[in-house]
Amino acid sequence: MHRQLKLGLAVLVMFSASQFALAMTFEKQERCVEGASPKCQVMILAIGQIDKDTPKQFKAFAQDFSRGTWVAISSPGGNLVGGMQLGLAIRELGFNTTIGNTDYSPPDCLSACAYAFVGGVTRKLTPGSRYGLHQFRGSDQAINAEDTQKISATLAKYLDAMGVDRRLLDYAQMTSSDKVTVLSLTQAQLLKVDTAGQTSYARWKVEVTPDSKLLAINSSLFTVGSQIPITLGILPVPGQSNKVACLIYYKNNDATAFSGNANPHSMTIGKEVYPLIAVGNWQEKTGGYQATFVIPDNLLNALLQASDDTVVTLSGNFIKPPQSNTTTASTNPLISYFGVGNLKNSLQALLKR
């Protein structure tokens, strides 16, 4: 995802109001949000314009906050790439988002802020707040048709990863850059901008492989910090009833990290850790490396019984972790998160139950 954001997009800026707003700052503050539990709690207040340095500054400020922390944002917009990268940072840290305000900053999340906002695991629009979008534009030059198509494709993939309906882009593309379309709460919930209590992690889907086999797939994962894209595929084990295997694909070209046998991987649900059973070596695929792991029976049962709001942690231990896609070094183990929306139905289809 991070490399996809490098399509010459650093010059893209998105403003809804003043182009002279102060750069975004962060502070720790107790706030109250209807629907949060508890209603009043310590949150991160993010106020001001988003620029290219905002994501890095946010990570530094937020490093001691726990998963589930709320981020209250008030911003007129700013740098488009900065907005998406801020959203990625919010998702990596497992934070929730709402729209905040102060005496000097209105309850607005507009333009580039709209893309940062959808990084929240749980997202809530507050009464009187404004969530708005419009077309992107270059800071000092027009954007040609080819670049526009690339940017739109990147935004669509980003929204997929955040669990947001791609139709959100229609509202942006139909609104000129000097105006803003503000979503109603109904529209925001329909497009999953406001999660309305639902999970924002991308849902699993079933596809048919070229050799006519069913495959449950989720391609919305990325590693915490290093932002290496991961695709998970689950398929039946040939000749073994009620057995499934997991294909794990890292979109990363670090041959040293993926040499030899597949490294130990596990999935964690709640406090229970389930080691995966590696089968064979890493195999080089287009743009990355893939390995096969058998899912043990106890993990399969846990996945079949998991509620739709369950979040699963995928951990991979490497002798030398693959090279990061960002300036943040890869951790060991590599950590990523995924949801289980539609996974039960997908597994039942694979197992023909």
Protein backbone atom coordinates (compact mmCIF):
# COMPACT_ATOMS: atom_id res chain seq x y z
CA MET A 1 0.00 0.00 0.00
CA HIS A 2 2.76 2.46 0.94
CA ARG A 3 4.58 1.98 -2.36
CA GLN A 4 1.32 2.38 -4.22
CA LEU A 5 1.02 5.80 -2.61
CA LYS A 6 4.25 6.91 -4.29
CA LEU A 7 2.74 7.50 -7.73
CA GLY A 8 4.05 11.05 -7.74
CA LEU A 9 1.24 11.89 -5.36
CA ALA A 10 3.26 13.88 -2.88
CA VAL A 11 2.30 17.05 -4.76
CA LEU A 12 -1.40 16.36 -4.29
CA VAL A 13 -3.15 18.63 -1.86
CA MET A 14 -6.77 18.79 -0.81
CA PHE A 15 -8.22 21.77 1.01
CA SER A 16 -11.82 22.56 1.79
CA ALA A 17 -11.44 25.95 3.39
CA SER A 18 -8.36 27.97 4.27
CA GLN A 19 -5.12 26.95 2.56
CA PHE A 20 -3.26 28.65 5.37
CA ALA A 21 -4.38 26.46 8.27
CA LEU A 22 -1.76 25.50 10.82
CA ALA A 23 -0.13 22.07 10.55
CA MET A 24 -1.83 19.31 12.54
CA THR A 25 -0.95 19.05 16.21
CA PHE A 26 -1.83 16.40 18.78
CA GLU A 27 -2.79 16.50 22.42
CA LYS A 28 -4.07 14.13 25.08
CA GLN A 29 -7.49 15.13 26.35
CA GLU A 30 -10.55 13.60 28.03
CA ARG A 31 -13.56 13.68 25.71
CA CYS A 32 -17.04 12.17 25.64
CA VAL A 33 -18.46 10.34 22.62
CA GLU A 34 -21.93 8.80 22.52
CA GLY A 35 -21.60 5.07 21.83
CA ALA A 36 -18.04 4.82 23.12
CA SER A 37 -17.38 2.57 26.11
CA PRO A 38 -16.84 4.24 28.46
CA LYS A 39 -18.60 7.32 27.11
CA CYS A 40 -15.94 9.68 28.51
CA GLN A 41 -12.28 8.68 28.22
CA VAL A 42 -8.82 9.95 27.37
CA MET A 43 -8.49 10.50 23.62
CA ILE A 44 -6.03 11.91 21.13
CA LEU A 45 -7.17 15.28 19.78
CA ALA A 46 -5.78 15.88 16.26
CA ILE A 47 -6.28 19.44 15.05
CA GLY A 48 -5.12 21.21 11.88
CA GLN A 49 -3.89 20.71 8.35
CA ILE A 50 -2.45 17.34 7.26
CA ASP A 51 0.97 17.50 5.61
CA LYS A 52 3.56 14.92 4.56
CA ASP A 53 5.10 14.83 8.05
CA THR A 54 1.82 14.37 9.92
CA PRO A 55 1.79 10.53 9.88
CA LYS A 56 5.31 10.30 11.34
CA GLN A 57 4.51 12.91 13.99
CA PHE A 58 1.29 11.10 14.88
CA LYS A 59 3.06 7.76 15.33
CA ALA A 60 5.62 9.37 17.63
CA PHE A 61 2.89 10.99 19.73
CA ALA A 62 0.62 7.93 19.85
CA GLN A 63 3.16 5.21 20.62
CA ASP A 64 2.18 4.88 24.29
CA PHE A 65 -1.59 4.76 23.72
CA SER A 66 -3.36 1.39 23.80
CA ARG A 67 -5.37 -0.22 21.01
CA GLY A 68 -8.95 0.98 21.10
CA THR A 69 -7.99 4.60 21.83
CA TRP A 70 -10.23 7.18 20.17
CA VAL A 71 -8.78 9.87 17.91
CA ALA A 72 -10.93 13.01 17.61
CA ILE A 73 -10.00 14.79 14.37
CA SER A 74 -10.70 18.34 13.20
CA SER A 75 -9.06 19.24 9.89
CA PRO A 76 -9.80 21.21 6.70
CA GLY A 77 -7.69 18.80 4.63
CA GLY A 78 -4.16 19.00 3.29
CA ASN A 79 -1.91 16.47 1.60
CA LEU A 80 -3.77 13.52 0.09
CA VAL A 81 -0.95 11.01 0.60
CA GLY A 82 -0.47 12.30 4.13
CA GLY A 83 -4.17 11.71 4.75
CA MET A 84 -4.02 8.09 3.59
CA GLN A 85 -0.82 7.41 5.49
CA LEU A 86 -2.33 8.92 8.63
CA GLY A 87 -5.30 6.59 8.14
CA LEU A 88 -2.95 3.63 7.78
CA ALA A 89 -1.16 4.62 11.00
CA ILE A 90 -4.48 4.89 12.85
CA ARG A 91 -5.50 1.42 11.61
CA GLU A 92 -2.12 -0.14 12.44
CA LEU A 93 -2.38 1.13 16.01
CA GLY A 94 -5.94 -0.19 16.34
CA PHE A 95 -7.43 3.24 17.11
CA ASN A 96 -11.00 4.46 16.57
CA THR A 97 -11.96 7.78 14.99
CA THR A 98 -14.52 10.50 15.57
CA ILE A 99 -14.73 14.18 14.65
CA GLY A 100 -13.75 16.67 17.33
CA ASN A 101 -13.57 20.41 17.76
CA THR A 102 -12.09 23.14 19.92
CA ASP A 103 -12.80 26.84 20.45
CA TYR A 104 -10.64 27.57 17.40
CA SER A 105 -11.31 24.51 15.24
CA PRO A 106 -14.79 23.43 13.98
CA PRO A 107 -16.12 19.83 14.07
CA ASP A 108 -15.06 19.25 10.47
CA CYS A 109 -13.16 16.44 8.76
CA LEU A 110 -12.99 17.49 5.14
CA SER A 111 -11.06 16.74 1.99
CA ALA A 112 -7.83 14.79 2.73
CA CYS A 113 -9.00 14.35 6.34
CA ALA A 114 -11.86 12.20 5.05
CA TYR A 115 -9.33 9.54 4.04
CA ALA A 116 -7.48 9.73 7.35
CA PHE A 117 -10.78 9.31 9.22
CA VAL A 118 -11.62 5.95 7.62
CA GLY A 119 -8.47 4.44 9.15
CA GLY A 120 -10.38 4.05 12.41
CA VAL A 121 -11.35 0.50 13.38
CA THR A 122 -14.61 1.91 14.75
CA ARG A 123 -15.75 5.22 13.28
CA LYS A 124 -18.44 7.55 14.57
CA LEU A 125 -19.75 10.87 13.27
CA THR A 126 -20.91 13.12 16.10
CA PRO A 127 -24.05 15.31 15.95
CA GLY A 128 -23.29 18.57 14.17
CA SER A 129 -20.03 17.33 12.66
CA ARG A 130 -19.23 17.55 8.95
CA TYR A 131 -17.53 14.82 6.93
CA GLY A 132 -16.93 16.02 3.38
CA LEU A 133 -15.07 15.27 0.16
CA HIS A 134 -14.21 16.72 -3.22
CA GLN A 135 -11.91 16.12 -6.17
CA PHE A 136 -8.16 15.95 -5.61
CA ARG A 137 -5.88 18.38 -7.41
CA GLY A 138 -2.18 19.10 -7.85
CA SER A 139 -0.53 21.76 -5.73
CA ASP A 140 1.03 23.59 -8.67
CA GLN A 141 0.05 21.77 -11.85
CA ALA A 142 -2.87 20.05 -13.52
CA ILE A 143 -3.21 16.28 -13.18
CA ASN A 144 -3.41 14.41 -16.48
CA ALA A 145 -5.89 11.63 -17.21
CA GLU A 146 -3.37 8.82 -16.71
CA ASP A 147 -2.32 10.05 -13.28
CA THR A 148 -5.96 10.64 -12.33
CA GLN A 149 -6.72 7.00 -13.15
CA LYS A 150 -3.76 5.77 -11.08
CA ILE A 151 -4.72 7.95 -8.12
CA SER A 152 -8.33 6.79 -8.27
CA ALA A 153 -7.21 3.14 -8.34
CA THR A 154 -4.96 3.73 -5.31
CA LEU A 155 -7.79 5.40 -3.40
CA ALA A 156 -10.16 2.54 -4.27
CA LYS A 157 -7.70 -0.08 -2.95
CA TYR A 158 -7.16 2.00 0.18
CA LEU A 159 -10.92 2.18 0.84
CA ASP A 160 -11.18 -1.58 0.29
CA ALA A 161 -8.49 -2.14 2.91
CA MET A 162 -10.28 0.16 5.36
CA GLY A 163 -13.62 -1.62 4.85
CA VAL A 164 -15.31 1.37 3.16
CA ASP A 165 -17.66 1.21 0.17
CA ARG A 166 -15.87 2.37 -3.01
CA ARG A 167 -18.92 4.43 -3.93
CA LEU A 168 -17.55 7.03 -1.53
CA LEU A 169 -15.25 8.05 -4.40
CA ASP A 170 -18.28 8.94 -6.53
CA TYR A 171 -19.14 11.74 -4.12
CA ALA A 172 -15.58 13.05 -4.32
CA GLN A 173 -15.26 12.79 -8.09
CA MET A 174 -18.55 14.56 -8.73
CA THR A 175 -17.60 17.56 -6.56
CA SER A 176 -15.22 20.20 -7.91
CA SER A 177 -12.13 20.97 -5.84
CA ASP A 178 -13.49 24.39 -4.81
CA LYS A 179 -16.61 22.85 -3.22
CA VAL A 180 -17.34 20.12 -0.66
CA THR A 181 -20.01 17.44 -0.52
CA VAL A 182 -20.92 16.74 3.11
CA LEU A 183 -22.39 13.30 3.80
CA SER A 184 -25.50 12.85 5.89
CA LEU A 185 -25.31 10.30 8.71
CA THR A 186 -27.46 7.92 6.67
CA GLN A 187 -25.11 8.20 3.69
CA ALA A 188 -22.06 7.79 5.93
CA GLN A 189 -23.44 4.62 7.50
CA LEU A 190 -24.52 3.20 4.13
CA LEU A 191 -20.98 3.67 2.81
CA LYS A 192 -19.47 2.37 6.10
CA VAL A 193 -17.72 5.67 6.83
CA ASP A 194 -19.63 5.58 10.12
CA THR A 195 -19.40 1.93 11.14
CA ALA A 196 -22.61 2.04 13.21
CA GLY A 197 -21.29 -0.70 15.47
CA GLN A 198 -20.11 -2.93 12.59
CA THR A 199 -16.55 -4.07 11.96
CA SER A 200 -14.53 -1.98 9.53
CA TYR A 201 -12.18 -4.80 8.55
CA ALA A 202 -12.63 -6.02 4.99
CA ARG A 203 -14.93 -9.00 4.54
CA TRP A 204 -13.76 -12.33 3.16
CA LYS A 205 -14.93 -13.40 -0.27
CA VAL A 206 -14.95 -16.68 -2.17
CA GLU A 207 -13.34 -16.87 -5.60
CA VAL A 208 -12.87 -19.65 -8.13
CA THR A 209 -9.26 -20.46 -9.03
CA PRO A 210 -8.16 -21.11 -12.65
CA ASP A 211 -8.32 -24.88 -11.91
CA SER A 212 -11.96 -24.51 -10.75
CA LYS A 213 -11.30 -24.74 -6.99
CA LEU A 214 -12.92 -22.55 -4.35
CA LEU A 215 -10.67 -20.12 -2.48
CA ALA A 216 -11.62 -17.84 0.43
CA ILE A 217 -9.52 -14.69 0.11
CA ASN A 218 -8.70 -11.54 2.05
CA SER A 219 -6.21 -9.14 0.45
CA SER A 220 -6.59 -6.18 2.81
CA LEU A 221 -3.84 -6.92 5.34
CA PHE A 222 -0.62 -5.01 5.84
CA THR A 223 2.07 -5.37 8.50
CA VAL A 224 2.18 -2.96 11.41
CA GLY A 225 4.77 -0.23 10.91
CA SER A 226 6.45 -1.66 7.82
CA GLN A 227 3.19 -1.68 5.80
CA ILE A 228 3.99 -4.82 3.78
CA PRO A 229 0.80 -5.92 1.99
CA ILE A 230 -0.39 -9.45 2.81
CA THR A 231 -2.97 -11.61 1.08
CA LEU A 232 -4.50 -14.61 2.85
CA GLY A 233 -6.14 -17.44 0.94
CA ILE A 234 -7.86 -20.45 2.49
CA LEU A 235 -8.62 -23.60 0.51
CA PRO A 236 -9.45 -27.27 1.21
CA VAL A 237 -6.60 -29.74 1.71
CA PRO A 238 -6.85 -32.28 -1.16
CA GLY A 239 -7.89 -35.75 -0.04
CA GLN A 240 -8.59 -34.71 3.57
CA SER A 241 -12.14 -33.91 4.62
CA ASN A 242 -12.68 -31.02 7.03
CA LYS A 243 -9.10 -29.83 6.59
CA VAL A 244 -8.12 -26.43 5.19
CA ALA A 245 -4.81 -24.76 4.42
CA CYS A 246 -3.87 -21.10 4.46
CA LEU A 247 -1.80 -19.47 1.74
CA ILE A 248 0.12 -16.45 3.05
CA TYR A 249 1.47 -14.08 0.42
CA TYR A 250 3.78 -11.16 1.28
CA LYS A 251 4.11 -8.52 -1.41
CA ASN A 252 7.80 -7.99 -0.76
CA ASN A 253 10.92 -8.77 -2.79
CA ASP A 254 13.41 -9.34 0.05
CA ALA A 255 14.79 -12.71 -1.10
CA THR A 256 16.95 -13.13 2.02
CA ALA A 257 13.97 -13.00 4.38
CA PHE A 258 12.01 -15.56 2.38
CA SER A 259 14.72 -18.12 1.67
CA GLY A 260 14.29 -21.74 2.73
CA ASN A 261 11.53 -23.19 4.86
CA ALA A 262 8.43 -21.18 5.65
CA ASN A 263 8.91 -19.30 8.91
CA PRO A 264 6.72 -20.02 11.96
CA HIS A 265 3.37 -18.22 11.80
CA SER A 266 0.44 -18.15 14.19
CA MET A 267 -3.01 -16.64 14.59
CA THR A 268 -4.30 -15.21 17.86
CA ILE A 269 -7.98 -14.90 18.79
CA GLY A 270 -8.50 -13.21 22.13
CA LYS A 271 -5.80 -14.65 24.39
CA GLU A 272 -5.54 -17.97 22.56
CA VAL A 273 -2.55 -18.47 20.23
CA TYR A 274 -2.88 -21.03 17.42
CA PRO A 275 0.37 -22.05 15.65
CA LEU A 276 -0.01 -22.74 11.93
CA ILE A 277 1.60 -25.84 10.45
CA ALA A 278 4.12 -24.89 7.75
CA VAL A 279 4.23 -26.99 4.58
CA GLY A 280 7.36 -26.68 2.46
CA ASN A 281 9.34 -23.59 1.48
CA TRP A 282 8.60 -20.03 0.49
CA GLN A 283 7.81 -19.82 -3.21
CA GLU A 284 8.55 -16.75 -5.29
CA LYS A 285 5.41 -15.32 -6.88
CA THR A 286 4.77 -12.18 -8.88
CA GLY A 287 5.96 -9.29 -6.75
CA GLY A 288 6.51 -11.32 -3.57
CA TYR A 289 6.64 -14.67 -1.77
CA GLN A 290 4.03 -17.21 -0.73
CA ALA A 291 3.95 -20.21 1.60
CA THR A 292 1.33 -22.78 2.58
CA PHE A 293 0.27 -23.52 6.16
CA VAL A 294 -2.25 -26.10 7.40
CA ILE A 295 -4.84 -24.63 9.77
CA PRO A 296 -5.10 -26.90 12.85
CA ASP A 297 -8.53 -28.22 13.83
CA ASN A 298 -8.81 -26.09 16.98
CA LEU A 299 -8.15 -22.88 15.00
CA LEU A 300 -10.63 -23.92 12.32
CA ASN A 301 -13.31 -24.46 14.97
CA ALA A 302 -12.47 -21.10 16.57
CA LEU A 303 -12.81 -19.31 13.22
CA LEU A 304 -16.14 -21.02 12.53
CA GLN A 305 -17.45 -19.92 15.92
CA ALA A 306 -16.05 -16.37 15.92
CA SER A 307 -18.49 -13.47 15.92
CA ASP A 308 -18.36 -11.01 13.03
CA ASP A 309 -16.67 -8.35 15.14
CA THR A 310 -13.73 -10.64 16.03
CA VAL A 311 -10.27 -9.36 15.10
CA VAL A 312 -7.54 -11.95 14.48
CA THR A 313 -3.82 -11.25 14.87
CA LEU A 314 -1.46 -12.84 12.34
CA SER A 315 2.15 -13.16 13.54
CA GLY A 316 5.16 -14.22 11.50
CA ASN A 317 8.58 -14.93 13.04
CA PHE A 318 11.57 -14.40 10.77
CA ILE A 319 15.30 -14.93 11.29
CA LYS A 320 15.67 -11.61 9.47
CA PRO A 321 12.36 -9.80 8.87
CA PRO A 322 11.73 -8.60 5.31
CA GLN A 323 12.70 -5.10 4.35
CA SER A 324 10.16 -2.46 5.36
CA ASN A 325 8.09 -0.54 2.82
CA THR A 326 8.42 2.56 5.00
CA THR A 327 11.04 4.41 7.01
CA THR A 328 9.88 2.36 10.03
CA ALA A 329 11.96 -0.82 10.38
CA SER A 330 10.17 -4.17 10.23
CA THR A 331 9.42 -5.70 13.60
CA ASN A 332 9.99 -9.32 14.50
CA PRO A 333 7.54 -10.93 14.63
CA LEU A 334 5.69 -9.20 11.83
CA ILE A 335 2.18 -8.37 13.00
CA SER A 336 -1.01 -7.75 11.03
CA TYR A 337 -4.72 -7.87 11.79
CA PHE A 338 -7.80 -9.06 9.93
CA GLY A 339 -11.51 -9.41 10.52
CA VAL A 340 -13.72 -12.48 10.08
CA GLY A 341 -16.70 -10.93 8.32
CA ASN A 342 -18.18 -13.58 5.96
CA LEU A 343 -15.35 -15.99 6.85
CA LYS A 344 -17.72 -18.50 8.47
CA ASN A 345 -19.85 -18.69 5.32
CA SER A 346 -16.73 -18.90 3.19
CA LEU A 347 -15.30 -21.77 5.24
CA GLN A 348 -18.60 -23.63 5.15
CA ALA A 349 -18.62 -23.30 1.35
CA LEU A 350 -15.08 -24.70 1.18
CA LEU A 351 -15.96 -27.56 3.52
CA LYS A 352 -19.33 -28.11 1.77
CA ARG A 353 -21.19 -28.03 5.07
